[in-house]
C-alpha cells in the first residue's frame, strides 16, 4: 500500500494492485530496498492507481517515515496541508485469531 495523493483526502492508503482505499496498513518485510522509482514502476505496470497524482516527494517522504517503525506495526496515515504524510502507529502488530486446533 502507498499513501493516497493529498487531493482533498486527509487520511488513508491505496492498494497498489487493487486501487482500493484502506484506513490502516501493516508494515511488512519484503527482502529488498524500495525506492520511489520502484513504486512508480510497479504502479505503472498495474494501472490500478493514477500515477500522475503522486509526487516523488510524497513517495520519498513516505518511505523515509516507514523507517521509524518496526515490521508488523499497524499504521495509519494523515496528511499535512502541504501533502506530507504523517504515519502513526495504532497497534504493535495485527490481531491474530488462531484457527481450530489441528488433529
Protein backbone atom coordinates (compact mmCIF):
# COMPACT_ATOMS: atom_id res chain seq x y z
CA UNK A 1 0.00 0.00 0.00
CA UNK A 2 1.05 3.55 -0.62
CA UNK A 3 -0.29 6.86 0.66
CA UNK A 4 -3.18 8.46 -1.19
CA UNK A 5 -2.30 11.63 -3.05
CA UNK A 6 -3.40 14.58 -0.92
CA UNK A 7 -6.11 15.96 -3.16
CA UNK A 8 -8.66 16.85 -0.52
CA UNK A 9 -8.25 13.45 1.18
CA UNK A 10 -6.89 13.73 4.71
CA UNK A 11 -6.09 10.10 5.58
CA UNK A 12 -5.68 6.58 4.27
CA UNK A 13 -3.70 4.36 1.94
CA UNK A 14 -4.37 2.94 -1.52
CA UNK A 15 -3.54 -0.63 -2.58
CA UNK A 16 -1.01 -0.80 -5.42
CA UNK A 17 -2.62 -3.86 -7.03
CA UNK A 18 -6.29 -3.15 -6.39
CA UNK A 19 -6.55 0.63 -6.16
CA UNK A 20 -8.80 0.12 -3.11
CA UNK A 21 -8.60 2.52 -0.18
CA UNK A 22 -7.59 1.38 3.29
CA UNK A 23 -7.61 3.24 6.62
CA UNK A 24 -4.72 1.23 8.09
CA UNK A 25 -1.86 -0.95 6.88
CA UNK A 26 0.71 -3.30 8.40
CA UNK A 27 4.43 -2.84 7.82
CA UNK A 28 5.90 -5.99 6.27
CA UNK A 29 9.38 -7.11 5.26
CA UNK A 30 9.79 -7.82 1.54
CA UNK A 31 13.52 -8.55 1.49
CA UNK A 32 14.71 -5.70 -0.72
CA UNK A 33 15.14 -1.93 -0.52
CA UNK A 34 12.34 0.04 -2.17
CA UNK A 35 12.62 3.49 -3.76
CA UNK A 36 10.02 5.87 -5.14
CA UNK A 37 11.16 4.80 -8.64
CA UNK A 38 10.40 1.16 -7.74
CA UNK A 39 6.90 2.14 -6.62
CA UNK A 40 6.31 4.15 -9.80
CA UNK A 41 7.41 1.20 -11.94
CA UNK A 42 5.16 -1.23 -10.06
CA UNK A 43 2.17 1.11 -10.19
CA UNK A 44 2.67 1.83 -13.90
CA UNK A 45 2.55 -1.92 -14.69
CA UNK A 46 -0.67 -2.49 -12.78
CA UNK A 47 -2.52 0.71 -13.74
CA UNK A 48 -4.86 0.41 -10.73
CA UNK A 49 -3.69 3.79 -9.42
CA UNK A 50 -3.37 7.11 -11.27
CA UNK A 51 0.37 7.77 -11.07
CA UNK A 52 0.10 11.41 -12.12
CA UNK A 53 -1.25 12.30 -8.67
CA UNK A 54 1.85 11.01 -6.84
CA UNK A 55 4.89 13.25 -6.49
CA UNK A 56 8.35 11.82 -5.92
CA UNK A 57 8.49 13.92 -2.74
CA UNK A 58 5.32 12.29 -1.39
CA UNK A 59 6.70 8.80 -2.03
CA UNK A 60 10.17 9.65 -0.68
CA UNK A 61 8.68 11.20 2.48
CA UNK A 62 6.51 8.13 2.94
CA UNK A 63 9.42 5.70 2.55
CA UNK A 64 11.53 7.75 4.98
CA UNK A 65 8.73 7.77 7.55
CA UNK A 66 8.42 3.97 7.35
CA UNK A 67 11.95 3.67 8.73
CA UNK A 68 10.73 4.85 12.13
CA UNK A 69 8.57 1.75 12.63
CA UNK A 70 9.08 -1.97 13.14
CA UNK A 71 7.95 -4.85 10.96
CA UNK A 72 4.44 -5.85 11.98
CA UNK A 73 3.36 -2.41 13.22
CA UNK A 74 -0.13 -1.38 12.13
CA UNK A 75 -0.05 2.19 10.79
CA UNK A 76 -2.46 4.92 9.81
CA UNK A 77 -1.57 7.98 7.75
CA UNK A 78 -2.74 11.59 7.75
CA UNK A 79 -1.54 14.42 5.56
CA UNK A 80 -0.26 17.89 6.39
CA UNK A 81 -1.66 20.78 4.31
CA UNK A 82 1.45 20.57 2.10
CA UNK A 83 0.71 16.88 1.39
CA UNK A 84 3.45 15.43 3.59
CA UNK A 85 2.35 12.09 5.03
CA UNK A 86 2.43 11.60 8.80
CA UNK A 87 2.39 7.96 9.90
CA UNK A 88 1.03 6.92 13.29
CA UNK A 89 1.40 3.51 14.93
CA UNK A 90 -2.03 2.32 16.03
CA UNK A 91 -1.02 -1.19 17.10
CA UNK A 92 2.20 -3.10 17.74
CA UNK A 93 1.05 -5.90 15.41
CA UNK A 94 -2.06 -7.17 13.66
CA UNK A 95 -4.62 -9.07 15.68
CA UNK A 96 -4.27 -12.81 15.26
CA UNK A 97 -7.16 -15.17 15.74
CA UNK A 98 -5.97 -18.77 15.99
CA UNK A 99 -7.87 -21.33 13.97
CA UNK A 100 -9.19 -24.60 15.28
CA UNK A 101 -6.61 -26.97 16.77
CA UNK A 102 -5.04 -29.43 14.39
CA UNK A 103 -5.78 -33.12 14.85
